[in-house]
N, C-alpha and C. Protein backbone atom coordinates (compact mmCIF):
# COMPACT_ATOMS: atom_id res chain seq x y z
N UNK A 1 110.27 185.85 85.57
CA UNK A 1 111.01 185.25 84.48
C UNK A 1 112.48 185.18 84.87
N UNK A 2 113.18 184.11 84.45
CA UNK A 2 114.58 183.90 84.78
C UNK A 2 115.51 184.81 83.99
N UNK A 3 116.73 184.80 84.43
CA UNK A 3 117.76 185.57 83.74
C UNK A 3 118.65 184.63 82.96
N UNK A 4 119.21 185.12 81.89
CA UNK A 4 120.20 184.38 81.13
C UNK A 4 121.55 184.95 81.50
N UNK A 5 122.42 184.09 81.99
CA UNK A 5 123.76 184.53 82.39
C UNK A 5 124.79 183.88 81.49
N UNK A 6 125.76 184.65 81.09
CA UNK A 6 126.86 184.13 80.29
C UNK A 6 127.94 183.62 81.23
N UNK A 7 128.51 182.49 80.88
CA UNK A 7 129.60 181.95 81.68
C UNK A 7 130.83 182.82 81.47
N UNK A 8 131.51 183.16 82.56
CA UNK A 8 132.72 183.96 82.41
C UNK A 8 133.83 183.15 81.75
N UNK A 9 134.71 183.84 81.09
CA UNK A 9 135.89 183.18 80.52
C UNK A 9 136.79 182.74 81.66
N UNK A 10 137.49 181.65 81.47
CA UNK A 10 138.39 181.15 82.50
C UNK A 10 139.68 180.67 81.86
N UNK A 11 140.79 180.97 82.51
CA UNK A 11 142.08 180.47 82.03
C UNK A 11 142.56 179.33 82.92
N UNK A 12 141.65 178.76 83.70
CA UNK A 12 141.98 177.65 84.59
C UNK A 12 142.39 176.44 83.74
N UNK A 13 143.60 175.93 83.91
CA UNK A 13 144.06 174.80 83.10
C UNK A 13 143.23 173.53 83.30
N UNK A 14 142.61 173.38 84.47
CA UNK A 14 141.76 172.20 84.70
C UNK A 14 140.52 172.25 83.82
N UNK A 15 140.03 173.45 83.54
CA UNK A 15 138.84 173.59 82.71
C UNK A 15 139.17 173.46 81.23
N UNK A 16 140.40 173.78 80.86
CA UNK A 16 140.80 173.77 79.45
C UNK A 16 140.66 172.39 78.81
N UNK A 17 140.77 171.33 79.60
CA UNK A 17 140.70 169.98 79.04
C UNK A 17 139.27 169.47 78.86
N UNK A 18 138.29 170.27 79.27
CA UNK A 18 136.89 169.87 79.18
C UNK A 18 136.24 170.38 77.91
N UNK A 19 135.09 169.80 77.57
CA UNK A 19 134.37 170.32 76.41
C UNK A 19 133.74 171.66 76.77
N UNK A 20 133.34 172.45 75.79
CA UNK A 20 132.84 173.80 76.07
C UNK A 20 131.66 173.86 77.03
N UNK A 21 130.73 172.90 76.95
CA UNK A 21 129.58 172.91 77.84
C UNK A 21 129.96 172.69 79.30
N UNK A 22 130.82 171.71 79.53
CA UNK A 22 131.28 171.44 80.90
C UNK A 22 132.08 172.62 81.43
N UNK A 23 132.95 173.16 80.57
CA UNK A 23 133.78 174.31 80.97
C UNK A 23 132.89 175.49 81.37
N UNK A 24 131.87 175.76 80.58
CA UNK A 24 130.97 176.88 80.88
C UNK A 24 130.17 176.62 82.15
N UNK A 25 129.69 175.38 82.33
CA UNK A 25 128.90 175.06 83.53
C UNK A 25 129.72 175.26 84.79
N UNK A 26 130.95 174.80 84.78
CA UNK A 26 131.81 174.94 85.97
C UNK A 26 132.19 176.39 86.18
N UNK A 27 132.56 177.10 85.13
CA UNK A 27 132.93 178.52 85.27
C UNK A 27 131.75 179.33 85.80
N UNK A 28 130.55 179.08 85.29
CA UNK A 28 129.37 179.80 85.77
C UNK A 28 129.07 179.42 87.22
N UNK A 29 129.17 178.14 87.53
CA UNK A 29 128.96 177.69 88.90
C UNK A 29 129.92 178.36 89.87
N UNK A 30 131.17 178.48 89.46
CA UNK A 30 132.16 179.14 90.32
C UNK A 30 131.82 180.61 90.50
N UNK A 31 131.42 181.28 89.42
CA UNK A 31 131.12 182.71 89.52
C UNK A 31 129.88 182.97 90.38
N UNK A 32 128.95 182.01 90.41
CA UNK A 32 127.73 182.16 91.20
C UNK A 32 127.88 181.61 92.62
N UNK A 33 129.04 181.00 92.88
CA UNK A 33 129.28 180.33 94.17
C UNK A 33 128.21 179.28 94.44
N UNK A 34 127.89 178.50 93.40
CA UNK A 34 126.89 177.44 93.49
C UNK A 34 127.41 176.28 94.33
N UNK A 35 126.49 175.54 94.90
CA UNK A 35 126.84 174.35 95.67
C UNK A 35 126.75 173.09 94.82
N UNK A 36 125.79 173.06 93.91
CA UNK A 36 125.48 171.88 93.11
C UNK A 36 125.59 172.20 91.64
N UNK A 37 126.10 171.23 90.88
CA UNK A 37 126.24 171.42 89.44
C UNK A 37 125.76 170.14 88.74
N UNK A 38 125.14 170.32 87.59
CA UNK A 38 124.64 169.19 86.79
C UNK A 38 125.63 168.90 85.67
N UNK A 39 126.27 167.74 85.77
CA UNK A 39 127.21 167.30 84.74
C UNK A 39 127.11 165.79 84.64
N UNK A 40 127.07 165.27 83.42
CA UNK A 40 126.99 163.83 83.21
C UNK A 40 128.33 163.20 82.88
N UNK A 41 129.22 163.94 82.29
CA UNK A 41 130.49 163.38 81.84
C UNK A 41 131.47 163.17 83.00
N UNK A 42 132.24 162.07 82.92
CA UNK A 42 133.16 161.73 84.01
C UNK A 42 134.25 162.78 84.23
N UNK A 43 134.85 163.25 83.13
CA UNK A 43 135.92 164.25 83.27
C UNK A 43 135.40 165.51 83.95
N UNK A 44 134.25 165.99 83.49
CA UNK A 44 133.65 167.19 84.06
C UNK A 44 133.28 166.99 85.51
N UNK A 45 132.76 165.82 85.83
CA UNK A 45 132.40 165.51 87.22
C UNK A 45 133.64 165.55 88.10
N UNK A 46 134.72 164.94 87.64
CA UNK A 46 135.95 164.91 88.44
C UNK A 46 136.46 166.33 88.71
N UNK A 47 136.45 167.17 87.68
CA UNK A 47 136.92 168.55 87.86
C UNK A 47 135.99 169.31 88.79
N UNK A 48 134.68 169.15 88.60
CA UNK A 48 133.71 169.85 89.45
C UNK A 48 133.89 169.46 90.92
N UNK A 49 134.14 168.20 91.17
CA UNK A 49 134.36 167.74 92.55
C UNK A 49 135.61 168.39 93.15
N UNK A 50 136.67 168.52 92.35
CA UNK A 50 137.89 169.16 92.87
C UNK A 50 137.67 170.64 93.14
N UNK A 51 136.68 171.22 92.48
CA UNK A 51 136.35 172.64 92.68
C UNK A 51 135.37 172.84 93.85
N UNK A 52 134.98 171.73 94.50
CA UNK A 52 134.13 171.84 95.68
C UNK A 52 132.64 171.74 95.44
N UNK A 53 132.24 171.39 94.22
CA UNK A 53 130.81 171.25 93.93
C UNK A 53 130.29 169.89 94.36
N UNK A 54 129.02 169.86 94.72
CA UNK A 54 128.29 168.60 94.76
C UNK A 54 127.84 168.42 93.32
N UNK A 55 127.85 167.19 92.83
CA UNK A 55 127.55 166.94 91.42
C UNK A 55 126.41 165.93 91.31
N UNK A 56 125.49 166.21 90.41
CA UNK A 56 124.48 165.24 90.03
C UNK A 56 124.42 165.23 88.51
N UNK A 57 123.77 164.20 87.99
CA UNK A 57 123.63 164.09 86.55
C UNK A 57 122.17 164.06 86.16
N UNK A 58 121.92 163.80 84.90
CA UNK A 58 120.56 163.76 84.39
C UNK A 58 119.71 162.74 85.13
N UNK A 59 120.28 161.55 85.39
CA UNK A 59 119.51 160.52 86.09
C UNK A 59 119.21 160.94 87.53
N UNK A 60 120.11 161.68 88.14
CA UNK A 60 119.86 162.20 89.49
C UNK A 60 118.72 163.19 89.51
N UNK A 61 118.65 164.03 88.49
CA UNK A 61 117.55 165.00 88.39
C UNK A 61 116.23 164.27 88.16
N UNK A 62 116.23 163.27 87.28
CA UNK A 62 115.01 162.50 87.05
C UNK A 62 114.58 161.75 88.30
N UNK A 63 115.53 161.22 89.05
CA UNK A 63 115.22 160.53 90.31
C UNK A 63 114.52 161.48 91.27
N UNK A 64 115.08 162.66 91.45
CA UNK A 64 114.48 163.64 92.36
C UNK A 64 113.09 164.07 91.87
N UNK A 65 112.97 164.31 90.57
CA UNK A 65 111.67 164.72 90.01
C UNK A 65 110.63 163.63 90.20
N UNK A 66 111.03 162.37 90.02
CA UNK A 66 110.08 161.26 90.22
C UNK A 66 109.70 161.14 91.69
N UNK A 67 110.65 161.33 92.58
CA UNK A 67 110.37 161.28 94.02
C UNK A 67 109.35 162.34 94.41
N UNK A 68 109.44 163.48 93.77
CA UNK A 68 108.52 164.59 94.07
C UNK A 68 107.22 164.52 93.25
N UNK A 69 107.10 163.49 92.43
CA UNK A 69 105.88 163.32 91.63
C UNK A 69 105.77 164.28 90.46
N UNK A 70 106.90 164.79 90.01
CA UNK A 70 106.88 165.78 88.92
C UNK A 70 106.98 165.16 87.54
N UNK A 71 107.46 163.92 87.46
CA UNK A 71 107.57 163.24 86.16
C UNK A 71 107.16 161.79 86.31
N UNK A 72 106.75 161.22 85.19
CA UNK A 72 106.54 159.78 85.10
C UNK A 72 107.91 159.22 84.73
N UNK A 73 108.56 158.56 85.68
CA UNK A 73 109.93 158.12 85.47
C UNK A 73 110.07 157.16 84.30
N UNK A 74 109.18 156.20 84.19
CA UNK A 74 109.30 155.23 83.09
C UNK A 74 109.21 155.95 81.74
N UNK A 75 108.29 156.89 81.59
CA UNK A 75 108.17 157.64 80.33
C UNK A 75 109.40 158.50 80.09
N UNK A 76 109.91 159.14 81.13
CA UNK A 76 111.09 159.99 80.98
C UNK A 76 112.30 159.16 80.57
N UNK A 77 112.47 157.99 81.18
CA UNK A 77 113.61 157.13 80.83
C UNK A 77 113.45 156.57 79.43
N UNK A 78 112.22 156.24 79.05
CA UNK A 78 111.97 155.75 77.70
C UNK A 78 112.36 156.82 76.67
N UNK A 79 111.95 158.04 76.94
CA UNK A 79 112.30 159.15 76.04
C UNK A 79 113.82 159.33 76.00
N UNK A 80 114.45 159.32 77.16
CA UNK A 80 115.89 159.55 77.26
C UNK A 80 116.68 158.50 76.48
N UNK A 81 116.23 157.25 76.55
CA UNK A 81 116.96 156.19 75.86
C UNK A 81 116.86 156.30 74.33
N UNK A 82 115.95 157.12 73.85
CA UNK A 82 115.83 157.32 72.40
C UNK A 82 116.68 158.49 71.91
N UNK A 83 117.46 159.07 72.82
CA UNK A 83 118.37 160.16 72.45
C UNK A 83 119.78 159.61 72.37
N UNK A 84 120.76 160.48 72.24
CA UNK A 84 122.15 160.04 72.22
C UNK A 84 122.75 159.99 73.64
N UNK A 85 121.91 160.08 74.65
CA UNK A 85 122.37 159.98 76.04
C UNK A 85 122.91 158.58 76.29
N UNK A 86 124.13 158.52 76.82
CA UNK A 86 124.73 157.22 77.14
C UNK A 86 124.55 156.97 78.63
N UNK A 87 124.24 155.75 78.98
CA UNK A 87 123.96 155.40 80.36
C UNK A 87 124.33 153.94 80.58
N UNK A 88 124.55 153.60 81.83
CA UNK A 88 124.79 152.20 82.18
C UNK A 88 123.42 151.58 82.48
N UNK A 89 123.07 150.50 81.81
CA UNK A 89 121.76 149.87 82.00
C UNK A 89 121.46 149.54 83.47
N UNK A 90 122.48 149.21 84.24
CA UNK A 90 122.24 148.88 85.65
C UNK A 90 121.77 150.11 86.44
N UNK A 91 122.14 151.30 86.01
CA UNK A 91 121.65 152.51 86.68
C UNK A 91 120.15 152.71 86.41
N UNK A 92 119.74 152.45 85.18
CA UNK A 92 118.33 152.55 84.83
C UNK A 92 117.53 151.53 85.64
N UNK A 93 118.04 150.29 85.69
CA UNK A 93 117.34 149.23 86.43
C UNK A 93 117.24 149.59 87.91
N UNK A 94 118.29 150.16 88.47
CA UNK A 94 118.26 150.54 89.89
C UNK A 94 117.24 151.64 90.14
N UNK A 95 117.15 152.61 89.24
CA UNK A 95 116.15 153.67 89.39
C UNK A 95 114.72 153.11 89.31
N UNK A 96 114.50 152.23 88.38
CA UNK A 96 113.17 151.63 88.25
C UNK A 96 112.81 150.84 89.51
N UNK A 97 113.77 150.08 90.04
CA UNK A 97 113.51 149.33 91.28
C UNK A 97 113.24 150.27 92.44
N UNK A 98 114.04 151.33 92.54
CA UNK A 98 113.89 152.29 93.63
C UNK A 98 112.47 152.87 93.64
N UNK A 99 111.94 153.13 92.48
CA UNK A 99 110.62 153.74 92.38
C UNK A 99 109.54 152.67 92.18
N UNK A 100 109.91 151.42 92.50
CA UNK A 100 108.99 150.29 92.45
C UNK A 100 108.31 150.14 91.09
N UNK A 101 109.10 150.36 90.07
CA UNK A 101 108.60 150.20 88.70
C UNK A 101 109.15 148.93 88.06
N UNK A 102 109.84 148.12 88.88
CA UNK A 102 110.45 146.91 88.35
C UNK A 102 111.62 147.24 87.46
N UNK A 103 112.27 146.22 86.98
CA UNK A 103 113.41 146.45 86.09
C UNK A 103 113.16 145.85 84.72
N UNK A 104 111.91 145.68 84.38
CA UNK A 104 111.55 145.14 83.07
C UNK A 104 112.19 146.01 81.99
N UNK A 105 112.85 145.36 81.08
CA UNK A 105 113.52 146.09 80.02
C UNK A 105 112.52 146.45 78.93
N UNK A 106 112.01 147.65 79.00
CA UNK A 106 111.06 148.12 77.98
C UNK A 106 111.73 149.07 77.01
N UNK A 107 113.01 149.24 77.15
CA UNK A 107 113.72 150.24 76.35
C UNK A 107 114.35 149.58 75.16
């Protein structure tokens, strides 16, 4: 079973301008000396990159999971589009093409 870790407090001024989730993700990543961090927001991504992280987002995780056969990408994207997740439609179309699912707009 996994562990639950609390993000350490940080007085880093670069983190102060981020929302609490991004701030906690970066602070925890720094404390764990992580290489990769999952962030979707542009501001958080920019800060994470300056801190030396490789960054991926939700679509990157879905892409990898689909490549490994762990998810049905079309179903996952359909579900995701029914949430408050914001995305550029061309990114969805590119993922569908990459996985040979066409770019038919079913969303």
